[in-house]
Amino acid sequence: ILLTTMTTVAGLLPLMFNRSFQAQFLIPMAITVAYGLLLATLVTLVLLPVLLTVVNEAKRVVFWLWNGRRATPEQLEPAVKELPYERLEETRH
């Protein structure tokens, strides 16, 4: 993700700094694409993991208030739940 973002923005930089008459029509598009890609990269690599962590912590607080006991993040996150070995063998057949 980082490599693609850096190479695309670096490839658009000469167009953004070009002052010819023909480039004047493409400069706004190049700026929009470069900044949009940078923003999307930051959202994907920084904001999304932070929001997932905050939501998981909120789930832990709600679980603690509702059940009166603390849960680990792994217990509440469905992406890391594992089936018992016996159930896993049943699903294979």
C-alpha atoms as a PDB file:
ATOM      1  CA  ILE A   1       0.000   0.000   0.000  1.00  0.00           C
ATOM      2  CA  LEU A   2       2.760   2.418   0.947  1.00  0.00           C
ATOM      3  CA  LEU A   3       4.845   1.619  -2.125  1.00  0.00           C
ATOM      4  CA  THR A   4       1.896   2.103  -4.474  1.00  0.00           C
ATOM      5  CA  THR A   5       0.958   5.383  -2.809  1.00  0.00           C
ATOM      6  CA  MET A   6       4.505   6.749  -2.906  1.00  0.00           C
ATOM      7  CA  THR A   7       5.118   5.822  -6.540  1.00  0.00           C
ATOM      8  CA  THR A   8       1.773   7.218  -7.705  1.00  0.00           C
ATOM      9  CA  VAL A   9       2.252  10.515  -5.869  1.00  0.00           C
ATOM     10  CA  ALA A  10       5.861  10.727  -7.093  1.00  0.00           C
ATOM     11  CA  GLY A  11       4.659  10.092 -10.647  1.00  0.00           C
ATOM     12  CA  LEU A  12       2.086  12.886 -10.369  1.00  0.00           C
ATOM     13  CA  LEU A  13       4.519  15.458  -8.919  1.00  0.00           C
ATOM     14  CA  PRO A  14       6.027  16.510 -12.285  1.00  0.00           C
ATOM     15  CA  LEU A  15       2.541  17.100 -13.657  1.00  0.00           C
ATOM     16  CA  MET A  16       1.554  19.138 -10.592  1.00  0.00           C
ATOM     17  CA  PHE A  17       4.581  21.430 -10.946  1.00  0.00           C
ATOM     18  CA  ASN A  18       4.418  21.756 -14.734  1.00  0.00           C
ATOM     19  CA  ARG A  19       3.475  25.280 -15.816  1.00  0.00           C
ATOM     20  CA  SER A  20       2.738  24.716 -19.500  1.00  0.00           C
ATOM     21  CA  PHE A  21      -0.610  25.687 -20.956  1.00  0.00           C
ATOM     22  CA  GLN A  22      -1.609  22.081 -21.685  1.00  0.00           C
ATOM     23  CA  ALA A  23      -0.814  20.990 -18.115  1.00  0.00           C
ATOM     24  CA  GLN A  24      -3.066  23.671 -16.593  1.00  0.00           C
ATOM     25  CA  PHE A  25      -6.100  21.513 -17.369  1.00  0.00           C
ATOM     26  CA  LEU A  26      -4.627  18.390 -15.759  1.00  0.00           C
ATOM     27  CA  ILE A  27      -3.085  19.934 -12.617  1.00  0.00           C
ATOM     28  CA  PRO A  28      -6.350  19.964 -10.581  1.00  0.00           C
ATOM     29  CA  MET A  29      -6.934  16.304 -11.443  1.00  0.00           C
ATOM     30  CA  ALA A  30      -3.377  15.347 -10.438  1.00  0.00           C
ATOM     31  CA  ILE A  31      -3.661  17.201  -7.132  1.00  0.00           C
ATOM     32  CA  THR A  32      -7.018  15.570  -6.391  1.00  0.00           C
ATOM     33  CA  VAL A  33      -5.757  12.071  -7.162  1.00  0.00           C
ATOM     34  CA  ALA A  34      -2.548  12.530  -5.133  1.00  0.00           C
ATOM     35  CA  TYR A  35      -4.205  13.954  -2.025  1.00  0.00           C
ATOM     36  CA  GLY A  36      -7.099  11.504  -2.232  1.00  0.00           C
ATOM     37  CA  LEU A  37      -4.695   8.594  -2.399  1.00  0.00           C
ATOM     38  CA  LEU A  38      -2.688   9.954   0.535  1.00  0.00           C
ATOM     39  CA  LEU A  39      -5.845  10.415   2.597  1.00  0.00           C
ATOM     40  CA  ALA A  40      -7.153   6.944   1.747  1.00  0.00           C
ATOM     41  CA  THR A  41      -3.796   5.437   2.706  1.00  0.00           C
ATOM     42  CA  LEU A  42      -3.842   7.195   6.080  1.00  0.00           C
ATOM     43  CA  VAL A  43      -7.412   6.079   6.709  1.00  0.00           C
ATOM     44  CA  THR A  44      -6.590   2.483   5.792  1.00  0.00           C
ATOM     45  CA  LEU A  45      -3.343   2.179   7.719  1.00  0.00           C
ATOM     46  CA  VAL A  46      -3.969   4.438  10.738  1.00  0.00           C
ATOM     47  CA  LEU A  47      -7.593   5.368  11.350  1.00  0.00           C
ATOM     48  CA  LEU A  48      -9.198   1.970  10.704  1.00  0.00           C
ATOM     49  CA  PRO A  49      -6.975   0.004  13.146  1.00  0.00           C
ATOM     50  CA  VAL A  50      -7.455   2.706  15.802  1.00  0.00           C
ATOM     51  CA  LEU A  51     -11.242   2.603  15.388  1.00  0.00           C
ATOM     52  CA  LEU A  52     -11.256  -1.207  15.568  1.00  0.00           C
ATOM     53  CA  THR A  53      -9.274  -1.038  18.815  1.00  0.00           C
ATOM     54  CA  VAL A  54     -11.642   1.543  20.300  1.00  0.00           C
ATOM     55  CA  VAL A  55     -14.704  -0.521  19.340  1.00  0.00           C
ATOM     56  CA  ASN A  56     -13.160  -3.655  20.859  1.00  0.00           C
ATOM     57  CA  GLU A  57     -12.444  -1.778  24.101  1.00  0.00           C
ATOM     58  CA  ALA A  58     -16.036  -0.507  24.142  1.00  0.00           C
ATOM     59  CA  LYS A  59     -17.257  -4.096  23.732  1.00  0.00           C
ATOM     60  CA  ARG A  60     -15.102  -5.121  26.693  1.00  0.00           C
ATOM     61  CA  VAL A  61     -16.578  -2.343  28.866  1.00  0.00           C
ATOM     62  CA  VAL A  62     -20.146  -3.265  27.907  1.00  0.00           C
ATOM     63  CA  PHE A  63     -19.407  -6.948  28.562  1.00  0.00           C
ATOM     64  CA  TRP A  64     -17.938  -6.058  31.961  1.00  0.00           C
ATOM     65  CA  LEU A  65     -20.931  -3.896  32.891  1.00  0.00           C
ATOM     66  CA  TRP A  66     -23.432  -6.490  31.662  1.00  0.00           C
ATOM     67  CA  ASN A  67     -21.828  -9.678  33.049  1.00  0.00           C
ATOM     68  CA  GLY A  68     -19.770  -8.372  35.961  1.00  0.00           C
ATOM     69  CA  ARG A  69     -16.549  -9.989  34.761  1.00  0.00           C
ATOM     70  CA  ARG A  70     -13.792  -8.902  32.440  1.00  0.00           C
ATOM     71  CA  ALA A  71     -13.199 -10.434  29.037  1.00  0.00           C
ATOM     72  CA  THR A  72     -10.019 -10.543  27.003  1.00  0.00           C
ATOM     73  CA  PRO A  73     -10.069  -8.836  23.592  1.00  0.00           C
ATOM     74  CA  GLU A  74      -9.776 -12.253  21.929  1.00  0.00           C
ATOM     75  CA  GLN A  75     -12.963 -13.501  23.580  1.00  0.00           C
ATOM     76  CA  LEU A  76     -15.054 -10.695  22.105  1.00  0.00           C
ATOM     77  CA  GLU A  77     -13.507 -10.389  18.657  1.00  0.00           C
ATOM     78  CA  PRO A  78     -15.198 -12.814  16.249  1.00  0.00           C
ATOM     79  CA  ALA A  79     -12.237 -12.759  13.869  1.00  0.00           C
ATOM     80  CA  VAL A  80     -10.028 -14.599  16.361  1.00  0.00           C
ATOM     81  CA  LYS A  81     -12.507 -17.105  17.787  1.00  0.00           C
ATOM     82  CA  GLU A  82     -11.564 -20.680  17.092  1.00  0.00           C
ATOM     83  CA  LEU A  83     -13.738 -23.758  16.929  1.00  0.00           C
ATOM     84  CA  PRO A  84     -12.905 -26.640  19.231  1.00  0.00           C
ATOM     85  CA  TYR A  85     -10.938 -29.352  17.482  1.00  0.00           C
ATOM     86  CA  GLU A  86     -13.885 -31.779  17.488  1.00  0.00           C
ATOM     87  CA  ARG A  87     -16.191 -29.259  15.799  1.00  0.00           C
ATOM     88  CA  LEU A  88     -13.484 -28.495  13.245  1.00  0.00           C
ATOM     89  CA  GLU A  89     -13.261 -32.178  12.318  1.00  0.00           C
ATOM     90  CA  GLU A  90     -17.064 -32.349  11.928  1.00  0.00           C
ATOM     91  CA  THR A  91     -17.098 -29.436   9.499  1.00  0.00           C
ATOM     92  CA  ARG A  92     -14.477 -31.071   7.260  1.00  0.00           C
ATOM     93  CA  HIS A  93     -16.592 -34.140   6.499  1.00  0.00           C
END
